[in-house]
Amino acid sequence: MSQSPKQFHLNAFLMGVGHHEAAWRHPRTDERRVLDVAHFQELAQIAERGKLDSVFFADGLAAGPRVEHNIQAVFEPITLLSAMAVVTERVGLIATASTGYNEPFTLARKFASLDHISHGRAGWNIVTSGGADEAANFGYDETPDHAGRYDRAAEFVDVAVELWDSWDDDAVELDVAGGRFADPAKVRTIDHDGARFKVRGPLNSPRSPQGRPVLVQAGSSESGKNFAARYAEAVFTAQRTLAEGQAFYRDLKARVAGAGRDPHSLKVLPGIVPFIGDTEAEAKALEQEFTDLISPAYSLRQLSGMVGVDLTEHALDAPLPPLPPLDRIQGNKSRYELVKNLAENEHLTVRQLIGKLGGGRGHRTVAGTPEQIADDLQLWFDREAADGFNVMPPYLPGGLEDFTTRVVPILQERGLFRTEYTATTLRGHYGLDRPAARIGAARARAATA
């Protein structure tokens, strides 16, 4: 392929010892390392050697019913990324955190701390938490409704941003002779009094190196896309075909413009699960090795959560049973639609469906040579289906090592990806400006009185 004039972004989406649900059972991994912080520190260093924009962790707030066969999110991600920050210097650090079961003040403080600890590399993947198991851990009998979760998320983010901006950049003086730590005129309350939150402020942490963390979002429902258009600076998404990727890309960029923002200020980053081999046949054989290790009992419970129907007693070699309409799904609506359409369009049995979902829970899987993987990524980038990719290695650390040492150099040769870091912050890697502190609500009211 010819060189592209633009460059794209690459994040390493890390999960346990690999994204494939059977990764911990494969001889290419060491299952014991899922509990070893040194394993994750090593992964961050691999990503940094590859000049990747960031590492990213998803998260959930429940063990769920699948613990017999798999549990991949062992560590709370902000804590884990703090440990990874001290062994790296440039790679960004993105943590998932829920607006459904946190409070704005405590979460804003945690992300400000991560940004200070990492010298400006923090990002927040904003989720609303749609799992029934998660709801049960916080005193709810059922999952809060989808629209209500996004209303709460919007106010939550508004409060967090005001808290991050409650200190001016030059508020800290550290005047030893005069005995002044900070200028109190430059530290203000926010006096937020909304439908769901009442927060006085200010944050008890000075403004961080990036001003505020990069805001990331991963929902592709109508509510999710509208939320992303208003707040997100990067979107992690799942589309399985080029046409679907292009349609999503055009739709989301138009919504960003409609919200009064520059469409280039938001990066669309689809997930990709790469199986890499010296030949295409070798790569496909490797993928099949992982598929053969899938535990149906685990996969059926995971699939049941995606489609809102208990499939644990359903025949593996039969098609899916009738599924509920979309408006009855209170969990992840976009993933429900993806799985439903995949099963129907390809006429899959349940066994075939869980095989296709095993690598990345609906994200696109590509098996091929390094050149074929690079060609695929460039095609999506050139055809405006992506601004970059959320790379989901099926096994770790080998899958990430292979991608950074075999695929990334090809992308660099084609002018598609950086050969050296040119920025020190995650905002810099994404080409995003550092936001100025907004005047707090109380100060704004006083100025207009």
Protein backbone atom coordinates (compact mmCIF):
# COMPACT_ATOMS: atom_id res chain seq x y z
CA MET A 1 0.00 0.00 0.00
CA SER A 2 1.10 3.57 -0.63
CA GLN A 3 2.00 5.79 2.30
CA SER A 4 -0.67 7.87 3.99
CA PRO A 5 0.08 11.52 4.76
CA LYS A 6 -1.49 11.26 8.23
CA GLN A 7 -0.53 9.16 11.23
CA PHE A 8 -2.87 7.22 13.45
CA HIS A 9 -3.05 6.33 17.13
CA LEU A 10 -2.47 2.97 18.82
CA ASN A 11 -3.53 1.97 22.32
CA ALA A 12 -2.79 -1.34 24.00
CA PHE A 13 -5.97 -2.64 25.62
CA LEU A 14 -4.66 -4.98 28.32
CA MET A 15 -6.57 -7.70 30.11
CA GLY A 16 -5.09 -10.37 32.37
CA VAL A 17 -2.85 -12.64 30.32
CA GLY A 18 -4.74 -11.92 27.11
CA HIS A 19 -8.06 -10.89 25.64
CA HIS A 20 -9.02 -14.33 24.46
CA GLU A 21 -11.20 -15.88 27.12
CA ALA A 22 -9.05 -19.04 27.01
CA ALA A 23 -5.72 -17.20 27.07
CA TRP A 24 -4.91 -18.33 30.61
CA ARG A 25 -5.18 -21.98 29.48
CA HIS A 26 -2.84 -21.67 26.48
CA PRO A 27 0.85 -22.69 26.75
CA ARG A 28 1.93 -19.28 25.42
CA THR A 29 0.84 -17.67 28.70
CA ASP A 30 1.64 -18.08 32.38
CA GLU A 31 -1.71 -18.08 34.17
CA ARG A 32 -0.11 -17.14 37.50
CA ARG A 33 0.88 -13.71 36.17
CA VAL A 34 -2.71 -12.47 36.23
CA LEU A 35 -2.00 -11.73 39.93
CA ASP A 36 1.50 -10.28 39.40
CA VAL A 37 1.89 -6.51 39.21
CA ALA A 38 5.32 -7.01 37.58
CA HIS A 39 3.52 -8.60 34.62
CA PHE A 40 1.55 -5.43 34.00
CA GLN A 41 4.58 -3.22 34.50
CA GLU A 42 6.35 -5.28 31.83
CA LEU A 43 3.39 -4.81 29.46
CA ALA A 44 3.53 -1.03 29.92
CA GLN A 45 7.23 -1.07 29.11
CA ILE A 46 6.60 -3.14 25.95
CA ALA A 47 3.95 -0.64 24.86
CA GLU A 48 6.31 2.25 25.53
CA ARG A 49 9.11 0.65 23.51
CA GLY A 50 6.60 0.42 20.67
CA LYS A 51 5.82 4.16 21.05
CA LEU A 52 2.13 3.40 21.60
CA ASP A 53 -0.14 6.23 22.72
CA SER A 54 -1.39 4.45 25.83
CA VAL A 55 -2.24 1.34 27.74
CA PHE A 56 -5.87 0.91 28.74
CA PHE A 57 -7.77 -1.19 31.26
CA ALA A 58 -11.45 -1.99 31.22
CA ASP A 59 -13.10 -2.67 34.56
CA GLY A 60 -16.20 -4.12 36.17
CA LEU A 61 -17.55 -3.92 39.69
CA ALA A 62 -18.58 -7.54 40.20
CA ALA A 63 -16.99 -10.97 40.04
CA GLY A 64 -20.12 -12.22 38.33
CA PRO A 65 -21.24 -15.81 37.81
CA ARG A 66 -18.28 -16.85 35.62
CA VAL A 67 -15.54 -17.01 38.23
CA GLU A 68 -15.25 -20.81 37.95
CA HIS A 69 -13.79 -20.52 34.47
CA ASN A 70 -12.32 -17.04 34.12
CA ILE A 71 -11.86 -13.69 35.82
CA GLN A 72 -9.75 -11.14 33.98
CA ALA A 73 -10.07 -7.85 35.88
CA VAL A 74 -8.28 -8.62 39.15
CA PHE A 75 -6.83 -5.20 40.05
CA GLU A 76 -8.58 -1.86 40.39
CA PRO A 77 -7.17 -0.02 37.36
CA ILE A 78 -6.26 3.40 38.79
CA THR A 79 -4.22 1.68 41.50
CA LEU A 80 -2.60 -0.63 38.95
CA LEU A 81 -1.77 2.20 36.56
CA SER A 82 -0.08 4.10 39.37
CA ALA A 83 2.28 1.14 39.74
CA MET A 84 2.85 1.13 35.97
CA ALA A 85 3.49 4.88 35.92
CA VAL A 86 6.65 4.57 38.00
CA VAL A 87 8.35 2.20 35.51
CA THR A 88 7.49 4.23 32.38
CA GLU A 89 7.96 7.81 31.19
CA ARG A 90 5.85 8.46 28.09
CA VAL A 91 3.09 5.91 27.45
CA GLY A 92 -0.42 7.09 28.42
CA LEU A 93 -2.39 5.41 31.21
CA ILE A 94 -6.17 5.05 30.74
CA ALA A 95 -8.39 3.59 33.45
CA THR A 96 -12.06 2.70 33.30
CA ALA A 97 -14.18 4.07 36.14
CA SER A 98 -17.94 4.07 36.60
CA THR A 99 -20.16 7.11 37.03
CA GLY A 100 -22.87 4.80 38.34
CA TYR A 101 -21.22 3.68 41.55
CA ASN A 102 -18.72 6.41 42.42
CA GLU A 103 -18.94 9.99 43.64
CA PRO A 104 -17.53 12.86 41.56
CA PHE A 105 -15.27 14.26 44.27
CA THR A 106 -13.46 11.03 45.12
CA LEU A 107 -13.05 9.95 41.50
CA ALA A 108 -11.86 13.40 40.37
CA ARG A 109 -9.26 13.28 43.12
CA LYS A 110 -8.05 9.81 42.09
CA PHE A 111 -7.57 10.82 38.46
CA ALA A 112 -5.86 14.07 39.46
CA SER A 113 -3.50 11.98 41.58
CA LEU A 114 -2.76 9.60 38.69
CA ASP A 115 -2.06 12.57 36.42
CA HIS A 116 0.36 14.05 38.97
CA ILE A 117 2.05 10.69 39.62
CA SER A 118 2.53 10.07 35.86
CA HIS A 119 3.47 13.68 35.00
CA GLY A 120 0.48 14.11 32.72
CA ARG A 121 -0.40 10.73 31.23
CA ALA A 122 -3.82 9.94 32.75
CA GLY A 123 -7.03 9.19 30.89
CA TRP A 124 -10.52 8.25 32.11
CA ASN A 125 -12.68 5.76 30.21
CA ILE A 126 -16.16 6.80 31.35
CA VAL A 127 -18.68 3.98 31.79
CA THR A 128 -22.15 3.89 33.31
CA SER A 129 -22.12 0.21 34.47
CA GLY A 130 -25.02 -1.80 33.06
CA GLY A 131 -24.51 -5.16 34.75
CA ALA A 132 -27.06 -6.63 37.14
CA ASP A 133 -24.25 -8.14 39.25
CA GLU A 134 -22.70 -4.70 39.60
CA ALA A 135 -26.02 -3.16 40.63
CA ALA A 136 -26.45 -5.83 43.31
CA ASN A 137 -23.12 -4.88 44.88
CA PHE A 138 -24.38 -1.35 45.46
CA GLY A 139 -27.80 -2.05 46.91
CA TYR A 140 -29.90 -2.11 43.71
CA ASP A 141 -32.37 -4.89 42.94
CA GLU A 142 -31.98 -4.30 39.21
CA THR A 143 -29.82 -2.34 36.78
CA PRO A 144 -30.70 1.38 36.70
CA ASP A 145 -32.36 2.30 33.42
CA HIS A 146 -30.13 3.10 30.45
CA ALA A 147 -31.20 6.73 29.88
CA GLY A 148 -31.01 7.53 33.58
CA ARG A 149 -27.46 6.19 33.75
CA TYR A 150 -26.36 8.57 31.00
CA ASP A 151 -28.12 11.52 32.65
CA ARG A 152 -26.19 10.76 35.83
CA ALA A 153 -22.96 10.38 33.82
CA ALA A 154 -23.39 13.80 32.21
CA GLU A 155 -23.80 15.59 35.52
CA PHE A 156 -21.00 13.51 37.06
CA VAL A 157 -18.52 14.57 34.37
CA ASP A 158 -19.61 18.21 34.61
CA VAL A 159 -18.87 18.15 38.34
CA ALA A 160 -15.53 16.39 37.88
CA VAL A 161 -14.39 18.94 35.29
CA GLU A 162 -15.33 21.82 37.59
CA LEU A 163 -13.40 20.19 40.41
CA TRP A 164 -10.28 19.75 38.25
CA ASP A 165 -10.62 23.39 37.27
CA SER A 166 -11.16 24.63 40.84
CA TRP A 167 -7.45 25.46 41.08
CA ASP A 168 -5.84 27.89 38.67
CA ASP A 169 -2.65 26.67 37.02
CA ASP A 170 -0.57 29.17 39.01
CA ALA A 171 -2.41 28.78 42.31
CA VAL A 172 0.47 26.91 43.99
CA GLU A 173 3.18 29.40 45.05
CA LEU A 174 5.48 27.37 47.37
CA ASP A 175 6.78 30.62 48.81
CA VAL A 176 9.00 29.34 51.60
CA ALA A 177 10.13 32.77 52.78
CA GLY A 178 6.61 34.18 52.85
CA GLY A 179 5.03 31.00 54.20
CA ARG A 180 2.47 30.78 51.37
CA PHE A 181 1.71 27.41 49.84
CA ALA A 182 -1.05 28.66 47.50
CA ASP A 183 -2.94 31.83 46.60
CA PRO A 184 -6.43 31.34 48.07
CA ALA A 185 -7.89 33.73 45.48
CA LYS A 186 -6.99 31.17 42.83
CA VAL A 187 -8.60 28.21 44.61
CA ARG A 188 -12.40 28.32 44.55
CA THR A 189 -15.51 26.42 45.47
CA ILE A 190 -17.68 25.12 42.64
CA ASP A 191 -20.98 25.17 44.58
CA HIS A 192 -22.63 22.59 42.36
CA ASP A 193 -26.26 21.88 43.26
CA GLY A 194 -27.78 19.61 40.63
CA ALA A 195 -30.35 16.88 40.14
CA ARG A 196 -28.07 14.14 41.46
CA PHE A 197 -25.05 15.75 43.10
CA LYS A 198 -24.40 18.58 45.52
CA VAL A 199 -20.69 19.36 45.74
CA ARG A 200 -19.07 22.41 47.31
CA GLY A 201 -15.41 21.95 46.34
CA PRO A 202 -12.68 22.87 45.74
CA LEU A 203 -10.80 19.67 45.01
CA ASN A 204 -8.08 18.98 47.57
CA SER A 205 -5.52 18.47 44.81
CA PRO A 206 -3.91 21.23 42.72
CA ARG A 207 -4.51 21.32 38.98
CA SER A 208 -2.64 18.45 37.35
CA PRO A 209 -0.11 18.53 34.48
CA GLN A 210 -2.75 17.96 31.78
CA GLY A 211 -5.28 20.23 33.45
CA ARG A 212 -7.64 17.30 33.41
CA PRO A 213 -7.29 13.70 32.19
CA VAL A 214 -8.15 12.77 28.62
CA LEU A 215 -11.84 11.81 28.56
CA VAL A 216 -12.57 8.51 26.83
CA GLN A 217 -15.90 6.76 26.22
CA ALA A 218 -16.81 3.31 24.98
CA GLY A 219 -20.59 3.21 24.41
CA SER A 220 -22.07 3.06 20.89
CA SER A 221 -25.78 3.25 21.68
CA GLU A 222 -27.71 6.40 20.80
CA SER A 223 -27.28 7.69 24.34
CA GLY A 224 -23.63 6.70 24.28
CA LYS A 225 -22.92 8.48 21.00
CA ASN A 226 -24.67 11.65 22.14
CA PHE A 227 -22.67 11.56 25.36
CA ALA A 228 -19.43 11.05 23.41
CA ALA A 229 -20.23 13.97 21.11
CA ARG A 230 -20.49 16.24 24.13
CA TYR A 231 -17.59 15.02 26.26
CA ALA A 232 -15.27 12.41 24.73
CA GLU A 233 -11.82 13.03 23.31
CA ALA A 234 -11.41 9.39 22.28
CA VAL A 235 -13.97 6.65 21.70
CA PHE A 236 -13.23 2.94 21.96
CA THR A 237 -15.72 1.11 19.76
CA ALA A 238 -16.49 -2.26 18.15
CA GLN A 239 -17.41 -2.57 14.48
CA ARG A 240 -16.85 -5.77 12.55
CA THR A 241 -16.96 -4.59 8.92
CA LEU A 242 -15.42 -1.67 7.09
CA ALA A 243 -18.85 -0.37 6.06
CA GLU A 244 -20.07 -0.45 9.67
CA GLY A 245 -16.89 1.31 10.79
CA GLN A 246 -17.30 4.03 8.18
CA ALA A 247 -20.95 4.59 9.08
CA PHE A 248 -20.13 4.86 12.79
CA TYR A 249 -17.22 7.20 12.09
CA ARG A 250 -19.31 9.57 9.94
CA ASP A 251 -22.19 9.53 12.40
CA LEU A 252 -20.07 10.26 15.45
CA LYS A 253 -18.01 12.99 13.80
CA ALA A 254 -21.24 14.68 12.67
CA ARG A 255 -22.60 14.55 16.21
CA VAL A 256 -19.39 16.12 17.52
CA ALA A 257 -19.75 18.97 15.03
CA GLY A 258 -23.41 19.30 16.00
CA ALA A 259 -22.34 19.70 19.62
CA GLY A 260 -20.21 22.68 18.62
CA ARG A 261 -16.88 20.89 18.80
CA ASP A 262 -14.13 20.28 16.26
CA PRO A 263 -14.61 16.72 14.90
CA HIS A 264 -10.82 16.29 14.88
CA SER A 265 -10.84 16.73 18.68
CA LEU A 266 -12.34 13.24 19.04
CA LYS A 267 -10.40 10.11 18.01
CA VAL A 268 -12.39 7.04 16.91
CA LEU A 269 -10.46 3.90 17.90
CA PRO A 270 -12.04 0.53 17.02
CA GLY A 271 -10.86 -2.62 18.78
CA ILE A 272 -8.75 -5.14 16.88
CA VAL A 273 -7.65 -8.62 18.09
CA PRO A 274 -4.56 -9.61 16.04
CA PHE A 275 -3.34 -13.20 15.69
CA ILE A 276 0.09 -12.86 14.04
CA GLY A 277 2.01 -15.60 12.23
CA ASP A 278 4.76 -16.02 9.66
CA THR A 279 2.05 -17.13 7.23
CA GLU A 280 -1.71 -16.61 7.17
CA ALA A 281 -2.22 -20.34 7.68
CA GLU A 282 0.00 -20.27 10.77
CA ALA A 283 -1.92 -17.32 12.20
CA LYS A 284 -5.28 -18.99 11.60
CA ALA A 285 -4.02 -22.22 13.18
CA LEU A 286 -2.94 -20.25 16.25
CA GLU A 287 -6.38 -18.65 16.48
CA GLN A 288 -7.99 -22.11 16.29
CA GLU A 289 -5.79 -23.34 19.16
CA PHE A 290 -7.34 -20.69 21.38
CA THR A 291 -10.87 -21.38 20.13
CA ASP A 292 -10.47 -25.06 20.98
CA LEU A 293 -9.75 -24.12 24.62
CA ILE A 294 -13.00 -22.19 25.14
CA SER A 295 -15.09 -23.38 28.10
CA PRO A 296 -18.72 -23.40 26.90
CA ALA A 297 -20.02 -22.99 30.45
CA TYR A 298 -18.12 -19.71 30.76
CA SER A 299 -18.99 -18.50 27.26
CA LEU A 300 -22.70 -19.23 27.65
CA ARG A 301 -22.91 -17.18 30.82
CA GLN A 302 -21.05 -14.32 29.17
CA LEU A 303 -23.28 -14.51 26.08
CA SER A 304 -26.36 -14.62 28.30
CA GLY A 305 -25.35 -11.30 29.82
CA MET A 306 -24.86 -9.76 26.38
CA VAL A 307 -28.25 -10.74 24.96
CA GLY A 308 -30.43 -10.60 28.07
CA VAL A 309 -31.52 -14.26 27.84
CA ASP A 310 -30.35 -17.20 29.98
CA LEU A 311 -28.57 -19.53 27.56
CA THR A 312 -26.89 -21.80 30.08
CA GLU A 313 -29.20 -24.72 29.21
CA HIS A 314 -29.54 -23.87 25.51
CA ALA A 315 -28.27 -26.36 22.91
CA LEU A 316 -24.86 -25.40 21.59
CA ASP A 317 -25.58 -26.49 18.02
CA ALA A 318 -28.88 -24.63 17.73
CA PRO A 319 -29.34 -21.00 16.72
CA LEU A 320 -30.07 -18.37 19.34
CA PRO A 321 -33.61 -18.40 20.73
CA PRO A 322 -35.85 -15.37 20.13
CA LEU A 323 -34.23 -12.32 21.74
CA PRO A 324 -35.92 -9.40 23.51
CA PRO A 325 -36.36 -6.10 21.66
CA LEU A 326 -33.63 -3.50 22.06
CA ASP A 327 -35.75 -1.23 24.26
CA ARG A 328 -35.89 -3.96 26.93
CA ILE A 329 -32.10 -4.14 27.20
CA GLN A 330 -30.84 -2.03 30.13
CA GLY A 331 -27.23 -3.19 29.85
CA ASN A 332 -24.85 -2.60 26.91
CA LYS A 333 -27.24 -1.87 24.04
CA SER A 334 -24.60 -1.49 21.34
CA ARG A 335 -22.95 -4.83 22.19
CA TYR A 336 -26.38 -6.51 22.23
CA GLU A 337 -27.06 -5.25 18.70
CA LEU A 338 -23.62 -6.33 17.49
CA VAL A 339 -24.02 -9.88 18.80
CA LYS A 340 -27.61 -10.21 17.58
CA ASN A 341 -26.73 -8.99 14.09
CA LEU A 342 -23.65 -11.21 13.91
CA ALA A 343 -25.67 -14.32 14.79
CA GLU A 344 -28.50 -13.50 12.40
CA ASN A 345 -26.47 -12.26 9.43
CA GLU A 346 -24.09 -15.22 9.45
CA HIS A 347 -26.73 -17.80 10.52
CA LEU A 348 -24.57 -18.97 13.40
CA THR A 349 -25.26 -21.64 15.95
CA VAL A 350 -24.55 -20.79 19.58
CA ARG A 351 -21.33 -22.82 19.41
CA GLN A 352 -20.17 -20.91 16.34
CA LEU A 353 -21.14 -17.61 17.92
CA ILE A 354 -19.17 -18.14 21.13
CA GLY A 355 -16.19 -19.15 19.00
CA LYS A 356 -16.34 -15.84 17.14
CA LEU A 357 -16.78 -13.88 20.37
CA GLY A 358 -14.02 -15.68 22.28
CA GLY A 359 -11.19 -13.46 21.10
CA GLY A 360 -12.61 -10.08 21.96
CA ARG A 361 -16.29 -10.26 22.98
CA GLY A 362 -17.44 -8.88 19.63
CA HIS A 363 -14.41 -6.86 18.59
CA ARG A 364 -12.93 -7.69 15.22
CA THR A 365 -10.37 -10.50 15.05
CA VAL A 366 -7.77 -10.59 12.26
CA ALA A 367 -5.40 -13.52 11.71
CA GLY A 368 -2.52 -13.00 9.29
CA THR A 369 1.08 -12.03 8.69
CA PRO A 370 2.45 -8.75 10.04
CA GLU A 371 2.05 -7.24 6.56
CA GLN A 372 -1.58 -8.38 6.34
CA ILE A 373 -2.36 -6.91 9.76
CA ALA A 374 -0.72 -3.62 8.75
CA ASP A 375 -2.67 -3.60 5.45
CA ASP A 376 -5.93 -4.12 7.32
CA LEU A 377 -5.28 -1.27 9.75
CA GLN A 378 -4.23 1.07 6.97
CA LEU A 379 -7.37 0.26 4.94
CA TRP A 380 -9.65 1.25 7.83
CA PHE A 381 -7.62 4.39 8.43
CA ASP A 382 -7.47 5.47 4.79
CA ARG A 383 -11.18 4.79 4.26
CA GLU A 384 -12.14 6.93 7.27
CA ALA A 385 -13.40 4.16 9.50
CA ALA A 386 -10.84 4.88 12.24
CA ASP A 387 -8.39 7.45 13.60
CA GLY A 388 -6.39 4.60 15.07
CA PHE A 389 -6.95 1.36 16.94
CA ASN A 390 -7.39 -0.16 20.35
CA VAL A 391 -5.09 -3.17 20.02
CA MET A 392 -6.35 -6.15 22.04
CA PRO A 393 -3.63 -8.83 22.13
CA PRO A 394 -5.26 -12.27 22.45
CA TYR A 395 -2.42 -13.46 24.71
CA LEU A 396 0.12 -11.60 26.84
CA PRO A 397 2.89 -10.64 26.88
CA GLY A 398 3.73 -12.40 23.58
CA GLY A 399 0.84 -10.99 21.56
CA LEU A 400 1.76 -7.41 22.47
CA GLU A 401 5.46 -8.06 21.90
CA ASP A 402 4.71 -9.47 18.43
CA PHE A 403 2.53 -6.50 17.52
CA THR A 404 5.06 -3.88 18.64
CA THR A 405 8.10 -5.60 17.09
CA ARG A 406 6.56 -7.00 13.89
CA VAL A 407 3.57 -4.82 12.92
CA VAL A 408 4.51 -1.39 14.29
CA PRO A 409 7.78 -1.21 12.27
CA ILE A 410 5.79 -1.76 9.07
CA LEU A 411 3.41 1.04 10.01
CA GLN A 412 6.37 3.28 10.79
CA GLU A 413 7.97 2.54 7.41
CA ARG A 414 4.71 3.54 5.73
CA GLY A 415 4.60 6.83 7.62
CA LEU A 416 1.47 5.78 9.47
CA PHE A 417 2.85 5.81 13.01
CA ARG A 418 5.41 7.74 15.02
CA THR A 419 8.99 6.51 15.25
CA GLU A 420 9.64 8.50 18.44
CA TYR A 421 7.48 10.23 21.02
CA THR A 422 7.20 13.95 20.35
CA ALA A 423 5.13 14.73 23.45
CA THR A 424 5.33 13.92 27.14
CA THR A 425 1.59 13.80 27.94
CA LEU A 426 -1.33 11.70 26.74
CA ARG A 427 -2.98 14.87 25.45
CA GLY A 428 0.17 15.53 23.47
CA HIS A 429 0.16 12.04 21.95
CA TYR A 430 -3.43 12.58 20.78
CA GLY A 431 -2.68 16.08 19.48
CA LEU A 432 -5.09 17.62 21.98
CA ASP A 433 -4.66 21.05 23.53
CA ARG A 434 -4.28 21.44 27.27
CA PRO A 435 -7.59 22.96 28.40
CA ALA A 436 -7.58 26.22 30.32
CA ALA A 437 -9.23 26.17 33.73
CA ARG A 438 -12.86 27.16 33.48
CA ILE A 439 -14.10 29.77 35.91
CA GLY A 440 -15.98 27.99 38.69
CA ALA A 441 -19.73 28.31 38.99
CA ALA A 442 -19.63 30.57 42.05
CA ARG A 443 -17.04 32.88 40.50
CA ALA A 444 -18.98 33.02 37.24
CA ARG A 445 -22.16 34.03 39.06
CA ALA A 446 -20.28 36.71 40.99
CA ALA A 447 -18.74 38.08 37.79
CA THR A 448 -22.16 38.50 36.16
CA ALA A 449 -24.01 39.80 39.24
